Amino acid sequence: MLYLVGLGLGSEKDITVKGLEAVKKCERIYLEAYTSILTGVPKERLEEFYEKPITISDRDMVESGCEEILAAADTVDVAFLVVGDPFGATTHSDLMMRAREKNIPVAVIHNASIMNAVGCCGLQLYNYGQSVSICFFTDTWKPDSFYDKVAVNRRAGLHTLCLLDIKVKEPNLEAMMKGKIKFDPPRYMTINTAVAQLLEVEKTRGEGVYTEDTIAVGLARVGHDTQQVVSGRLRDLLAVDFGQPLHTLVVAGNMHFLEAEMVKTFAVDPVAFDALDIKQ
């Protein structure tokens, strides 16, 4: 049996009872470590809690070399651990389909993910449109496909969940040119960087999808004891120190007055918040 187990967002203790029971009976355990991370929770702490050794699975192993994960999974139990929920990324759906092609039974054990935990900011989940991913800009590559989806959402009055880029085990291009294998240090996009890129794209495209005064909410380390939620205009969030990763950004659409009241409790300046247009 292949178990796809969601770990939740905060710590090793966020796994469900059902998930923990599955992990403890598995012969091999793999931890997916490139679409998300459990901030501040090293592999060793997970191993101590589960009382099992864990193999870290990078993108290559999951997407190109999944044979190792699936090996003998038709006769022994294997767990594939995912931060958040198992289906938070397309990669995991692909792994399940590959397992089924090999007639390997698959069991999915769900958990909280940023896709539903984002409701903690006060914006109701049923008022969200398409989620978008915001990638790190480089000097030569500034992907802006998210802009069109934000535009669709805002025209419909819907909120937009922005998933921010994570760079883990990225090959160093300079080293590659020399025939060497070297990886860059991990990088996690901050809310400040995401806002700066959003505003840069608006300035370039100039379609008036949002402005510096558009209301947004920044969320950091959702599910952790140090969770931080701050709301305000996009330009207000540029100056906020959100601390350690992981970060998430929501661009607000039209807000029901109850949504606005809760979002206001996280405002950089609650008094100034009252003057903002909640039906932008």
Protein backbone atom coordinates (compact mmCIF):
# COMPACT_ATOMS: atom_id res chain seq x y z
CA MET A 1 0.00 0.00 0.00
CA LEU A 2 1.17 3.52 -0.80
CA TYR A 3 0.00 6.02 1.79
CA LEU A 4 -0.14 9.70 0.79
CA VAL A 5 -0.13 11.43 4.16
CA GLY A 6 -0.73 15.13 4.79
CA LEU A 7 1.33 16.57 7.64
CA GLY A 8 -0.53 19.82 8.19
CA LEU A 9 1.25 23.14 8.53
CA GLY A 10 2.72 23.71 11.96
CA SER A 11 4.80 20.93 13.47
CA GLU A 12 5.40 17.19 13.63
CA LYS A 13 2.37 16.96 15.93
CA ASP A 14 -0.06 18.24 13.28
CA ILE A 15 -0.29 14.85 11.59
CA THR A 16 -3.70 13.23 12.12
CA VAL A 17 -4.11 10.18 14.35
CA LYS A 18 -4.99 8.17 11.25
CA GLY A 19 -1.89 9.46 9.47
CA LEU A 20 0.37 8.65 12.40
CA GLU A 21 -0.99 5.11 12.61
CA ALA A 22 -0.27 4.62 8.92
CA VAL A 23 3.28 6.00 9.17
CA LYS A 24 4.16 3.80 12.13
CA LYS A 25 3.31 0.62 10.24
CA CYS A 26 5.17 1.57 7.04
CA GLU A 27 8.42 -0.11 6.03
CA ARG A 28 9.69 2.95 4.13
CA ILE A 29 8.87 6.64 4.62
CA TYR A 30 9.59 9.47 2.20
CA LEU A 31 9.23 13.18 2.94
CA GLU A 32 8.51 15.46 -0.02
CA ALA A 33 10.64 18.55 0.51
CA TYR A 34 10.34 20.86 -2.46
CA THR A 35 6.74 22.13 -2.77
CA SER A 36 6.61 23.15 0.90
CA ILE A 37 8.42 22.74 4.21
CA LEU A 38 7.62 22.42 7.90
CA THR A 39 9.46 25.53 9.04
CA GLY A 40 11.80 24.83 11.93
CA VAL A 41 11.09 21.09 11.96
CA PRO A 42 14.17 19.13 10.83
CA LYS A 43 13.95 15.58 9.53
CA GLU A 44 15.49 14.29 12.76
CA ARG A 45 12.59 15.65 14.80
CA LEU A 46 10.10 13.92 12.56
CA GLU A 47 12.06 10.67 12.83
CA GLU A 48 12.07 10.91 16.60
CA PHE A 49 8.32 11.54 16.71
CA TYR A 50 7.42 8.80 14.22
CA GLU A 51 10.11 6.43 15.55
CA LYS A 52 11.01 5.66 11.94
CA PRO A 53 13.83 6.66 9.55
CA ILE A 54 12.80 9.10 6.81
CA THR A 55 14.18 9.61 3.30
CA ILE A 56 14.06 13.14 1.91
CA SER A 57 12.50 13.22 -1.57
CA ASP A 58 13.52 16.05 -3.87
CA ARG A 59 11.86 16.98 -7.16
CA ASP A 60 14.02 14.61 -9.22
CA MET A 61 13.15 11.61 -7.07
CA VAL A 62 9.41 12.26 -7.18
CA GLU A 63 8.98 13.41 -10.76
CA SER A 64 11.72 11.44 -12.51
CA GLY A 65 12.75 8.63 -10.21
CA CYS A 66 9.54 7.66 -8.46
CA GLU A 67 10.39 4.00 -9.08
CA GLU A 68 12.35 4.04 -5.82
CA ILE A 69 9.29 5.24 -3.92
CA LEU A 70 6.96 2.74 -5.56
CA ALA A 71 9.36 -0.23 -5.38
CA ALA A 72 7.61 -3.21 -3.76
CA ALA A 73 4.76 -0.97 -2.57
CA ASP A 74 2.40 -3.69 -3.76
CA THR A 75 3.72 -6.00 -1.05
CA VAL A 76 4.89 -3.62 1.74
CA ASP A 77 3.52 -0.39 3.16
CA VAL A 78 5.20 2.83 2.00
CA ALA A 79 4.38 6.36 3.20
CA PHE A 80 4.85 9.54 1.19
CA LEU A 81 4.61 12.54 3.51
CA VAL A 82 3.47 15.92 2.22
CA VAL A 83 3.45 19.21 4.12
CA GLY A 84 -0.14 20.46 4.10
CA ASP A 85 -2.49 18.20 2.15
CA PRO A 86 -1.35 15.46 -0.26
CA PHE A 87 -3.11 17.09 -3.22
CA GLY A 88 -1.74 20.58 -2.76
CA ALA A 89 0.49 20.02 -5.82
CA THR A 90 -0.03 18.30 -9.19
CA THR A 91 3.12 16.25 -8.56
CA HIS A 92 1.34 14.18 -5.95
CA SER A 93 -1.61 13.38 -8.21
CA ASP A 94 0.90 12.11 -10.74
CA LEU A 95 2.51 9.84 -8.14
CA MET A 96 -0.87 8.37 -7.26
CA MET A 97 -1.67 7.68 -10.92
CA ARG A 98 1.71 6.00 -11.46
CA ALA A 99 1.05 3.79 -8.46
CA ARG A 100 -2.35 2.77 -9.79
CA GLU A 101 -0.83 1.96 -13.18
CA LYS A 102 1.31 -0.58 -11.30
CA ASN A 103 -1.74 -1.92 -9.45
CA ILE A 104 -0.41 -0.57 -6.16
CA PRO A 105 -3.22 0.25 -3.70
CA VAL A 106 -3.24 3.90 -2.64
CA ALA A 107 -4.68 5.42 0.54
CA VAL A 108 -4.91 9.19 1.00
CA ILE A 109 -4.94 10.77 4.46
CA HIS A 110 -5.83 14.45 4.25
CA ASN A 111 -4.79 17.35 6.46
CA ALA A 112 -4.98 21.13 6.65
CA SER A 113 -3.22 23.13 3.95
CA ILE A 114 -2.75 26.81 3.20
CA MET A 115 -5.63 26.46 0.73
CA ASN A 116 -8.10 26.25 3.62
CA ALA A 117 -6.11 27.57 6.59
CA VAL A 118 -5.92 30.95 4.81
CA GLY A 119 -9.46 31.45 6.11
CA CYS A 120 -7.85 32.57 9.38
CA CYS A 121 -7.37 36.05 7.87
CA GLY A 122 -11.12 36.62 7.82
CA LEU A 123 -11.77 36.41 4.08
CA GLN A 124 -14.30 33.65 3.50
CA LEU A 125 -13.08 30.65 1.50
CA TYR A 126 -16.10 30.61 -0.82
CA ASN A 127 -15.24 34.16 -1.95
CA TYR A 128 -11.88 33.18 -3.47
CA GLY A 129 -11.24 32.89 -7.19
CA GLN A 130 -8.31 31.22 -8.94
CA SER A 131 -5.15 30.81 -6.87
CA VAL A 132 -1.93 32.03 -8.44
CA SER A 133 1.77 31.30 -8.06
CA ILE A 134 4.27 34.15 -7.95
CA CYS A 135 7.79 33.19 -9.04
CA PHE A 136 11.02 34.99 -8.24
CA PHE A 137 11.90 37.53 -10.91
CA THR A 138 15.37 37.53 -12.42
CA ASP A 139 17.12 40.12 -14.56
CA THR A 140 16.04 38.27 -17.70
CA TRP A 141 12.81 36.52 -16.67
CA LYS A 142 9.80 38.22 -15.10
CA PRO A 143 6.81 35.89 -15.45
CA ASP A 144 3.53 37.75 -15.12
CA SER A 145 0.89 35.14 -15.99
CA PHE A 146 -0.57 35.60 -12.50
CA TYR A 147 -1.68 39.10 -13.47
CA ASP A 148 -4.41 37.87 -15.83
CA LYS A 149 -5.85 35.52 -13.21
CA VAL A 150 -5.86 38.26 -10.58
CA ALA A 151 -7.68 40.43 -13.15
CA VAL A 152 -10.38 37.78 -13.65
CA ASN A 153 -10.82 37.42 -9.90
CA ARG A 154 -11.02 41.13 -9.23
CA ARG A 155 -13.53 41.74 -12.00
CA ALA A 156 -15.72 39.15 -10.27
CA GLY A 157 -15.09 40.71 -6.84
CA LEU A 158 -13.22 37.63 -5.63
CA HIS A 159 -10.14 37.30 -3.43
CA THR A 160 -6.87 35.91 -4.80
CA LEU A 161 -4.62 33.53 -2.88
CA CYS A 162 -1.02 34.07 -3.99
CA LEU A 163 1.32 31.13 -3.40
CA LEU A 164 4.88 32.41 -3.12
CA ASP A 165 7.94 30.85 -4.71
CA ILE A 166 10.16 28.32 -2.94
CA LYS A 167 13.61 27.49 -4.29
CA VAL A 168 15.03 24.32 -2.76
CA LYS A 169 17.97 22.36 -4.16
CA GLU A 170 18.20 24.59 -7.21
CA PRO A 171 21.30 23.84 -9.35
CA ASN A 172 23.90 26.58 -9.50
CA LEU A 173 24.18 27.63 -13.15
CA GLU A 174 27.77 28.82 -12.88
CA ALA A 175 28.84 25.49 -11.43
CA MET A 176 26.89 23.61 -14.11
CA MET A 177 28.77 25.51 -16.82
CA LYS A 178 31.99 24.17 -15.28
CA GLY A 179 30.63 20.63 -15.23
CA LYS A 180 30.19 20.62 -11.47
CA ILE A 181 27.17 19.80 -9.35
CA LYS A 182 26.41 22.49 -6.80
CA PHE A 183 23.15 23.72 -5.34
CA ASP A 184 22.18 27.24 -4.36
CA PRO A 185 21.04 27.91 -0.77
CA PRO A 186 17.27 27.59 -0.24
CA ARG A 187 15.25 30.73 -0.94
CA TYR A 188 11.72 31.49 0.20
CA MET A 189 9.83 34.45 -1.26
CA THR A 190 8.71 37.04 1.25
CA ILE A 191 5.44 38.92 1.18
CA ASN A 192 7.43 42.11 0.63
CA THR A 193 9.04 40.71 -2.52
CA ALA A 194 5.70 39.40 -3.79
CA VAL A 195 4.05 42.80 -3.32
CA ALA A 196 6.94 44.58 -5.04
CA GLN A 197 6.63 42.23 -8.00
CA LEU A 198 2.86 42.65 -8.16
CA LEU A 199 3.24 46.41 -8.30
CA GLU A 200 6.03 46.17 -10.87
CA VAL A 201 3.83 44.10 -13.17
CA GLU A 202 0.91 46.53 -12.75
CA LYS A 203 3.22 49.38 -13.68
CA THR A 204 4.38 47.48 -16.77
CA ARG A 205 0.99 46.19 -17.89
CA GLY A 206 -0.97 49.27 -16.82
CA GLU A 207 -4.41 47.67 -16.97
CA GLY A 208 -5.54 48.93 -13.57
CA VAL A 209 -6.13 45.48 -12.10
CA TYR A 210 -4.97 46.74 -8.70
CA THR A 211 -3.11 49.72 -7.23
CA GLU A 212 -0.85 50.50 -4.30
CA ASP A 213 -4.05 51.18 -2.34
CA THR A 214 -5.63 47.79 -2.97
CA ILE A 215 -6.34 45.94 0.26
CA ALA A 216 -4.29 42.81 0.83
CA VAL A 217 -3.42 40.44 3.67
CA GLY A 218 0.00 38.99 4.39
CA LEU A 219 0.22 35.72 6.31
CA ALA A 220 3.40 34.20 7.70
CA ARG A 221 3.98 30.77 9.24
CA VAL A 222 0.29 29.82 9.21
CA GLY A 223 -0.33 26.99 11.65
CA HIS A 224 2.71 27.79 13.80
CA ASP A 225 2.78 29.32 17.27
CA THR A 226 4.42 32.35 15.67
CA GLN A 227 1.70 32.79 13.02
CA GLN A 228 1.46 36.40 11.83
CA VAL A 229 -1.37 38.04 9.90
CA VAL A 230 -1.21 41.67 8.76
CA SER A 231 -3.66 43.55 6.54
CA GLY A 232 -3.53 46.90 4.81
CA ARG A 233 -2.90 48.49 1.46
CA LEU A 234 -0.33 46.77 -0.74
CA ARG A 235 2.06 49.66 -0.14
CA ASP A 236 1.60 49.27 3.63
CA LEU A 237 2.69 45.63 3.52
CA LEU A 238 5.95 46.55 1.80
CA ALA A 239 7.30 47.91 5.09
CA VAL A 240 6.12 45.10 7.41
CA ASP A 241 8.66 42.64 8.81
CA PHE A 242 6.95 39.27 8.45
CA GLY A 243 9.87 37.28 9.80
CA GLN A 244 10.75 33.71 8.91
CA PRO A 245 9.06 31.72 6.10
CA LEU A 246 6.73 30.47 4.83
CA HIS A 247 4.79 33.50 3.58
CA THR A 248 1.47 33.82 1.75
CA LEU A 249 -0.33 36.82 0.26
CA VAL A 250 -4.01 37.45 -0.39
CA VAL A 251 -5.21 40.22 -2.67
CA ALA A 252 -8.69 41.10 -1.44
CA GLY A 253 -11.70 41.42 -3.70
CA ASN A 254 -15.01 42.87 -2.56
CA MET A 255 -15.53 42.25 1.13
CA HIS A 256 -18.72 41.53 3.02
CA PHE A 257 -18.89 43.79 6.07
CA LEU A 258 -18.20 40.82 8.36
CA GLU A 259 -15.09 39.98 6.33
CA ALA A 260 -13.99 43.61 6.53
CA GLU A 261 -14.48 43.70 10.30
CA MET A 262 -12.25 40.68 10.83
CA VAL A 263 -9.62 41.79 8.32
CA LYS A 264 -9.52 45.14 10.12
CA THR A 265 -8.41 43.40 13.33
CA PHE A 266 -5.13 42.58 11.54
CA ALA A 267 -4.67 46.05 10.03
CA VAL A 268 -1.37 47.91 10.10
CA ASP A 269 -3.45 51.00 10.95
CA PRO A 270 -7.01 50.10 12.06
CA VAL A 271 -8.12 53.75 12.04
CA ALA A 272 -6.92 54.30 8.47
CA PHE A 273 -8.49 50.99 7.45
CA ASP A 274 -11.95 52.47 7.96
CA ALA A 275 -11.25 54.96 5.18
CA LEU A 276 -10.36 52.25 2.66
CA ASP A 277 -12.79 51.07 -0.02
CA ILE A 278 -13.80 47.50 0.83
CA LYS A 279 -15.62 47.18 -2.50
CA GLN A 280 -12.73 47.93 -4.80
